[in-house]
């Protein structure tokens, strides 16, 4: 990643002999990106597939801790190159036990930048009825920071062209709904396989 006019690299997963989980940071010695100099520890972290990027004047650290993906929002010191978090939250609830291959979902995220937007995607697994989909990549989401330093996500605008009215002929379809939760929970039931309940605290599936 680029910061302060310099180029850096993170080691995504590093465990010391005494069990510490660390994110070492290195700086490129020259433009070849073949030679790097160790600069210290960016952050203590237990996870893999790290994304570290600037957003709205802050720095965002997303990581996959062998469970539900989480993120931190904070500041990067230009001298010590140490990341100080100010906000910590779950990014996506689409992952569960790693020892059960059909109960995973959104994991191992990646970030890219396009036309002034910060776009987020991830690896999707857990398709017991159609293993050909296992390991596919998710649709992209645009991410922004709100006033509370929460990482907000929305489908990229290019997907709007796919949202034409249709009648589903298979077990797969796309549903968009606006729910008002002030007066109690809202429950959506699809056949005998899916029940989604939403309230002001979040949502519950089955």
C-alpha atoms as a PDB file:
ATOM      1  CA  UNK A   1       0.000   0.000   0.000  1.00  0.00           C
ATOM      2  CA  UNK A   2       1.021   3.642  -0.480  1.00  0.00           C
ATOM      3  CA  UNK A   3       1.240   6.155   2.382  1.00  0.00           C
ATOM      4  CA  UNK A   4       3.155   9.398   2.938  1.00  0.00           C
ATOM      5  CA  UNK A   5       4.642   9.142  -0.555  1.00  0.00           C
ATOM      6  CA  UNK A   6       6.202   5.753   0.270  1.00  0.00           C
ATOM      7  CA  UNK A   7       5.402   2.112  -0.544  1.00  0.00           C
ATOM      8  CA  UNK A   8       4.810  -0.464   2.178  1.00  0.00           C
ATOM      9  CA  UNK A   9       4.027  -4.163   2.530  1.00  0.00           C
ATOM     10  CA  UNK A  10       2.341  -6.080   5.358  1.00  0.00           C
ATOM     11  CA  UNK A  11       2.886  -9.681   6.358  1.00  0.00           C
ATOM     12  CA  UNK A  12      -0.660 -10.952   6.687  1.00  0.00           C
ATOM     13  CA  UNK A  13      -0.077 -13.525   9.414  1.00  0.00           C
ATOM     14  CA  UNK A  14       2.919 -13.745  11.758  1.00  0.00           C
ATOM     15  CA  UNK A  15       3.007 -15.692  15.047  1.00  0.00           C
ATOM     16  CA  UNK A  16       6.020 -15.379  17.357  1.00  0.00           C
ATOM     17  CA  UNK A  17       7.392 -18.384  19.300  1.00  0.00           C
ATOM     18  CA  UNK A  18       5.635 -17.088  22.429  1.00  0.00           C
ATOM     19  CA  UNK A  19       2.265 -16.957  20.658  1.00  0.00           C
ATOM     20  CA  UNK A  20       1.917 -13.258  19.777  1.00  0.00           C
ATOM     21  CA  UNK A  21      -0.009 -12.453  16.603  1.00  0.00           C
ATOM     22  CA  UNK A  22       1.642  -9.527  14.831  1.00  0.00           C
ATOM     23  CA  UNK A  23       1.487  -7.579  11.560  1.00  0.00           C
ATOM     24  CA  UNK A  24       5.067  -6.680  10.544  1.00  0.00           C
ATOM     25  CA  UNK A  25       5.431  -3.763   8.141  1.00  0.00           C
ATOM     26  CA  UNK A  26       8.165  -3.344   5.500  1.00  0.00           C
ATOM     27  CA  UNK A  27       9.106  -0.399   3.271  1.00  0.00           C
ATOM     28  CA  UNK A  28      10.250  -0.722  -0.340  1.00  0.00           C
ATOM     29  CA  UNK A  29      13.939   0.204  -0.684  1.00  0.00           C
ATOM     30  CA  UNK A  30      13.551   1.055  -4.367  1.00  0.00           C
ATOM     31  CA  UNK A  31      10.990   1.058  -7.153  1.00  0.00           C
ATOM     32  CA  UNK A  32      11.689  -2.529  -8.201  1.00  0.00           C
ATOM     33  CA  UNK A  33       9.639  -3.881  -5.253  1.00  0.00           C
ATOM     34  CA  UNK A  34      12.272  -6.604  -4.924  1.00  0.00           C
ATOM     35  CA  UNK A  35      14.024  -5.181  -1.847  1.00  0.00           C
ATOM     36  CA  UNK A  36      12.288  -4.379   1.431  1.00  0.00           C
ATOM     37  CA  UNK A  37      13.345  -3.000   4.807  1.00  0.00           C
ATOM     38  CA  UNK A  38      11.693  -4.097   8.052  1.00  0.00           C
ATOM     39  CA  UNK A  39      10.112  -1.090   9.812  1.00  0.00           C
ATOM     40  CA  UNK A  40       8.475  -2.620  12.885  1.00  0.00           C
ATOM     41  CA  UNK A  41       5.026  -3.833  13.928  1.00  0.00           C
ATOM     42  CA  UNK A  42       1.974  -2.115  12.472  1.00  0.00           C
ATOM     43  CA  UNK A  43      -0.516  -3.783  14.816  1.00  0.00           C
ATOM     44  CA  UNK A  44      -1.109  -6.837  16.993  1.00  0.00           C
ATOM     45  CA  UNK A  45      -3.689  -8.927  15.179  1.00  0.00           C
ATOM     46  CA  UNK A  46      -5.039 -12.466  15.163  1.00  0.00           C
ATOM     47  CA  UNK A  47      -6.188 -13.175  11.626  1.00  0.00           C
ATOM     48  CA  UNK A  48      -5.301 -13.558   7.976  1.00  0.00           C
ATOM     49  CA  UNK A  49      -6.038 -11.935   4.587  1.00  0.00           C
ATOM     50  CA  UNK A  50      -5.389  -8.395   5.814  1.00  0.00           C
ATOM     51  CA  UNK A  51      -6.565  -5.305   3.912  1.00  0.00           C
ATOM     52  CA  UNK A  52      -5.163  -1.938   5.031  1.00  0.00           C
ATOM     53  CA  UNK A  53      -6.228   1.221   3.210  1.00  0.00           C
ATOM     54  CA  UNK A  54      -7.072   4.916   3.698  1.00  0.00           C
ATOM     55  CA  UNK A  55     -10.679   6.062   3.693  1.00  0.00           C
ATOM     56  CA  UNK A  56     -12.105   9.516   4.492  1.00  0.00           C
ATOM     57  CA  UNK A  57      -9.029  10.675   6.376  1.00  0.00           C
ATOM     58  CA  UNK A  58      -8.733   7.472   8.432  1.00  0.00           C
ATOM     59  CA  UNK A  59      -7.102   4.067   7.956  1.00  0.00           C
ATOM     60  CA  UNK A  60      -9.140   0.875   7.820  1.00  0.00           C
ATOM     61  CA  UNK A  61      -7.794  -2.563   8.740  1.00  0.00           C
ATOM     62  CA  UNK A  62      -9.936  -5.536   7.648  1.00  0.00           C
ATOM     63  CA  UNK A  63      -8.918  -9.049   8.648  1.00  0.00           C
ATOM     64  CA  UNK A  64     -10.318 -12.580   8.638  1.00  0.00           C
ATOM     65  CA  UNK A  65      -9.797 -14.186  12.081  1.00  0.00           C
ATOM     66  CA  UNK A  66     -10.820 -17.732  11.045  1.00  0.00           C
ATOM     67  CA  UNK A  67     -14.336 -16.632  11.884  1.00  0.00           C
ATOM     68  CA  UNK A  68     -16.608 -13.671  11.142  1.00  0.00           C
ATOM     69  CA  UNK A  69     -14.667 -10.889   9.359  1.00  0.00           C
ATOM     70  CA  UNK A  70     -13.854  -7.850  11.523  1.00  0.00           C
ATOM     71  CA  UNK A  71     -12.398  -4.396  10.962  1.00  0.00           C
ATOM     72  CA  UNK A  72     -10.706  -1.536  12.797  1.00  0.00           C
ATOM     73  CA  UNK A  73     -10.754   2.175  11.948  1.00  0.00           C
ATOM     74  CA  UNK A  74      -8.001   4.429  13.248  1.00  0.00           C
ATOM     75  CA  UNK A  75      -4.847   6.423  12.529  1.00  0.00           C
ATOM     76  CA  UNK A  76      -1.440   5.513  11.085  1.00  0.00           C
ATOM     77  CA  UNK A  77       1.547   7.316  12.643  1.00  0.00           C
ATOM     78  CA  UNK A  78       3.845   8.594   9.847  1.00  0.00           C
ATOM     79  CA  UNK A  79       6.941   8.262  12.052  1.00  0.00           C
ATOM     80  CA  UNK A  80       6.484   5.003  13.965  1.00  0.00           C
ATOM     81  CA  UNK A  81       4.225   3.402  11.295  1.00  0.00           C
ATOM     82  CA  UNK A  82       2.072   2.068  14.114  1.00  0.00           C
ATOM     83  CA  UNK A  83      -1.695   1.768  13.642  1.00  0.00           C
ATOM     84  CA  UNK A  84      -3.852   2.994  16.534  1.00  0.00           C
ATOM     85  CA  UNK A  85      -7.485   1.811  16.300  1.00  0.00           C
ATOM     86  CA  UNK A  86     -10.396   3.976  17.404  1.00  0.00           C
ATOM     87  CA  UNK A  87     -13.339   1.817  16.316  1.00  0.00           C
ATOM     88  CA  UNK A  88     -13.764  -1.963  16.058  1.00  0.00           C
ATOM     89  CA  UNK A  89     -16.718  -3.838  14.596  1.00  0.00           C
ATOM     90  CA  UNK A  90     -17.827  -6.885  12.611  1.00  0.00           C
ATOM     91  CA  UNK A  91     -17.699  -6.394   8.843  1.00  0.00           C
ATOM     92  CA  UNK A  92     -19.884  -9.306   7.719  1.00  0.00           C
ATOM     93  CA  UNK A  93     -21.770 -12.087   9.489  1.00  0.00           C
ATOM     94  CA  UNK A  94     -21.480 -14.446   6.524  1.00  0.00           C
ATOM     95  CA  UNK A  95     -19.011 -16.920   8.025  1.00  0.00           C
ATOM     96  CA  UNK A  96     -19.177 -19.635  10.659  1.00  0.00           C
ATOM     97  CA  UNK A  97     -17.162 -22.666  11.744  1.00  0.00           C
ATOM     98  CA  UNK A  98     -14.124 -23.406   9.601  1.00  0.00           C
ATOM     99  CA  UNK A  99     -14.317 -27.147  10.335  1.00  0.00           C
ATOM    100  CA  UNK A 100     -17.676 -27.411   8.532  1.00  0.00           C
ATOM    101  CA  UNK A 101     -17.156 -26.601   4.850  1.00  0.00           C
ATOM    102  CA  UNK A 102     -20.821 -25.909   4.036  1.00  0.00           C
ATOM    103  CA  UNK A 103     -21.299 -23.225   6.679  1.00  0.00           C
ATOM    104  CA  UNK A 104     -18.993 -20.427   5.655  1.00  0.00           C
ATOM    105  CA  UNK A 105     -20.046 -17.660   3.255  1.00  0.00           C
ATOM    106  CA  UNK A 106     -18.241 -14.289   2.948  1.00  0.00           C
ATOM    107  CA  UNK A 107     -14.553 -14.528   3.905  1.00  0.00           C
ATOM    108  CA  UNK A 108     -11.034 -13.582   2.777  1.00  0.00           C
ATOM    109  CA  UNK A 109     -11.914 -10.086   1.600  1.00  0.00           C
ATOM    110  CA  UNK A 110     -10.096  -7.920  -0.927  1.00  0.00           C
ATOM    111  CA  UNK A 111     -10.210  -4.179  -1.614  1.00  0.00           C
ATOM    112  CA  UNK A 112      -9.728  -2.268  -4.843  1.00  0.00           C
ATOM    113  CA  UNK A 113     -10.214   1.342  -5.929  1.00  0.00           C
ATOM    114  CA  UNK A 114     -12.168   2.363  -9.029  1.00  0.00           C
ATOM    115  CA  UNK A 115     -13.330   5.764 -10.265  1.00  0.00           C
ATOM    116  CA  UNK A 116     -12.838   7.373  -6.874  1.00  0.00           C
ATOM    117  CA  UNK A 117     -14.654   4.620  -5.009  1.00  0.00           C
ATOM    118  CA  UNK A 118     -13.366   2.021  -2.550  1.00  0.00           C
ATOM    119  CA  UNK A 119     -14.753  -1.387  -3.500  1.00  0.00           C
ATOM    120  CA  UNK A 120     -14.856  -4.512  -1.340  1.00  0.00           C
ATOM    121  CA  UNK A 121     -15.256  -8.138  -2.364  1.00  0.00           C
ATOM    122  CA  UNK A 122     -14.680 -11.522  -0.818  1.00  0.00           C
ATOM    123  CA  UNK A 123     -14.433 -15.259  -1.250  1.00  0.00           C
ATOM    124  CA  UNK A 124     -17.691 -17.214  -1.007  1.00  0.00           C
ATOM    125  CA  UNK A 125     -17.924 -20.882  -0.045  1.00  0.00           C
ATOM    126  CA  UNK A 126     -20.615 -23.153   1.339  1.00  0.00           C
ATOM    127  CA  UNK A 127     -22.764 -24.420  -1.561  1.00  0.00           C
ATOM    128  CA  UNK A 128     -23.697 -28.009  -0.605  1.00  0.00           C
ATOM    129  CA  UNK A 129     -26.092 -28.472  -3.531  1.00  0.00           C
ATOM    130  CA  UNK A 130     -23.858 -26.982  -6.214  1.00  0.00           C
ATOM    131  CA  UNK A 131     -20.136 -27.372  -5.416  1.00  0.00           C
ATOM    132  CA  UNK A 132     -19.229 -25.693  -8.717  1.00  0.00           C
ATOM    133  CA  UNK A 133     -19.983 -22.380  -6.995  1.00  0.00           C
ATOM    134  CA  UNK A 134     -17.637 -23.090  -4.068  1.00  0.00           C
ATOM    135  CA  UNK A 135     -14.810 -20.574  -3.982  1.00  0.00           C
ATOM    136  CA  UNK A 136     -16.529 -17.998  -6.211  1.00  0.00           C
ATOM    137  CA  UNK A 137     -15.974 -14.283  -5.642  1.00  0.00           C
ATOM    138  CA  UNK A 138     -18.764 -12.075  -4.325  1.00  0.00           C
ATOM    139  CA  UNK A 139     -20.313  -9.120  -6.078  1.00  0.00           C
ATOM    140  CA  UNK A 140     -18.503  -5.887  -5.257  1.00  0.00           C
ATOM    141  CA  UNK A 141     -19.697  -3.519  -2.540  1.00  0.00           C
ATOM    142  CA  UNK A 142     -18.843   0.149  -2.212  1.00  0.00           C
ATOM    143  CA  UNK A 143     -17.642   1.088   1.285  1.00  0.00           C
ATOM    144  CA  UNK A 144     -17.673   4.458   3.039  1.00  0.00           C
ATOM    145  CA  UNK A 145     -17.174   5.674   6.612  1.00  0.00           C
ATOM    146  CA  UNK A 146     -20.066   7.318   8.422  1.00  0.00           C
ATOM    147  CA  UNK A 147     -19.747   9.959  11.142  1.00  0.00           C
ATOM    148  CA  UNK A 148     -19.345   7.242  13.800  1.00  0.00           C
ATOM    149  CA  UNK A 149     -16.452   5.627  11.879  1.00  0.00           C
ATOM    150  CA  UNK A 150     -18.591   2.645  10.959  1.00  0.00           C
ATOM    151  CA  UNK A 151     -17.765   0.996   7.651  1.00  0.00           C
ATOM    152  CA  UNK A 152     -20.985   1.171   5.617  1.00  0.00           C
ATOM    153  CA  UNK A 153     -21.495  -1.066   2.588  1.00  0.00           C
ATOM    154  CA  UNK A 154     -23.783  -0.897  -0.439  1.00  0.00           C
ATOM    155  CA  UNK A 155     -23.957  -2.822  -3.736  1.00  0.00           C
ATOM    156  CA  UNK A 156     -22.086  -1.017  -6.502  1.00  0.00           C
ATOM    157  CA  UNK A 157     -24.340   1.096  -8.725  1.00  0.00           C
ATOM    158  CA  UNK A 158     -23.462  -0.982 -11.792  1.00  0.00           C
ATOM    159  CA  UNK A 159     -25.676  -3.775 -10.403  1.00  0.00           C
ATOM    160  CA  UNK A 160     -28.813  -1.647 -10.759  1.00  0.00           C
ATOM    161  CA  UNK A 161     -29.106  -2.690 -14.405  1.00  0.00           C
ATOM    162  CA  UNK A 162     -29.536  -6.303 -13.239  1.00  0.00           C
ATOM    163  CA  UNK A 163     -32.544  -5.499 -11.046  1.00  0.00           C
ATOM    164  CA  UNK A 164     -35.283  -5.883 -13.633  1.00  0.00           C
ATOM    165  CA  UNK A 165     -38.629  -7.369 -12.489  1.00  0.00           C
ATOM    166  CA  UNK A 166     -38.908 -11.069 -13.223  1.00  0.00           C
ATOM    167  CA  UNK A 167     -40.510 -14.285 -12.022  1.00  0.00           C
ATOM    168  CA  UNK A 168     -38.055 -16.697 -10.452  1.00  0.00           C
ATOM    169  CA  UNK A 169     -38.020 -20.067 -12.227  1.00  0.00           C
ATOM    170  CA  UNK A 170     -35.256 -21.569 -10.086  1.00  0.00           C
ATOM    171  CA  UNK A 171     -34.202 -21.599  -6.450  1.00  0.00           C
ATOM    172  CA  UNK A 172     -32.116 -18.446  -6.901  1.00  0.00           C
ATOM    173  CA  UNK A 173     -33.430 -14.889  -6.996  1.00  0.00           C
ATOM    174  CA  UNK A 174     -32.663 -11.348  -5.880  1.00  0.00           C
ATOM    175  CA  UNK A 175     -34.934  -9.554  -3.393  1.00  0.00           C
ATOM    176  CA  UNK A 176     -34.821  -5.883  -2.412  1.00  0.00           C
ATOM    177  CA  UNK A 177     -37.023  -4.605   0.431  1.00  0.00           C
ATOM    178  CA  UNK A 178     -37.369  -1.570   2.689  1.00  0.00           C
ATOM    179  CA  UNK A 179     -38.260  -2.488   6.280  1.00  0.00           C
ATOM    180  CA  UNK A 180     -39.401  -0.096   9.030  1.00  0.00           C
ATOM    181  CA  UNK A 181     -38.339  -1.554  12.375  1.00  0.00           C
ATOM    182  CA  UNK A 182     -39.532   1.126  14.817  1.00  0.00           C
ATOM    183  CA  UNK A 183     -42.632  -0.795  15.854  1.00  0.00           C
ATOM    184  CA  UNK A 184     -41.126  -4.255  16.171  1.00  0.00           C
ATOM    185  CA  UNK A 185     -39.317  -6.982  14.251  1.00  0.00           C
ATOM    186  CA  UNK A 186     -39.964  -7.887  10.624  1.00  0.00           C
ATOM    187  CA  UNK A 187     -39.830 -11.555   9.556  1.00  0.00           C
ATOM    188  CA  UNK A 188     -39.451 -12.853   6.012  1.00  0.00           C
ATOM    189  CA  UNK A 189     -40.139 -16.562   5.436  1.00  0.00           C
ATOM    190  CA  UNK A 190     -39.297 -18.323   2.171  1.00  0.00           C
ATOM    191  CA  UNK A 191     -40.752 -21.829   1.958  1.00  0.00           C
ATOM    192  CA  UNK A 192     -39.543 -24.147   4.669  1.00  0.00           C
ATOM    193  CA  UNK A 193     -35.831 -23.384   4.296  1.00  0.00           C
ATOM    194  CA  UNK A 194     -35.265 -19.733   5.191  1.00  0.00           C
ATOM    195  CA  UNK A 195     -36.577 -17.423   7.898  1.00  0.00           C
ATOM    196  CA  UNK A 196     -34.984 -13.985   8.208  1.00  0.00           C
ATOM    197  CA  UNK A 197     -35.945 -11.836  11.211  1.00  0.00           C
ATOM    198  CA  UNK A 198     -34.806  -8.203  11.447  1.00  0.00           C
ATOM    199  CA  UNK A 199     -35.085  -5.793  14.364  1.00  0.00           C
ATOM    200  CA  UNK A 200     -33.205  -2.771  15.700  1.00  0.00           C
ATOM    201  CA  UNK A 201     -30.435  -4.992  17.096  1.00  0.00           C
ATOM    202  CA  UNK A 202     -29.625  -6.721  13.817  1.00  0.00           C
ATOM    203  CA  UNK A 203     -30.896  -9.798  12.045  1.00  0.00           C
ATOM    204  CA  UNK A 204     -31.247 -13.536  12.629  1.00  0.00           C
ATOM    205  CA  UNK A 205     -31.305 -16.260   9.971  1.00  0.00           C
ATOM    206  CA  UNK A 206     -33.253 -19.439  10.812  1.00  0.00           C
END
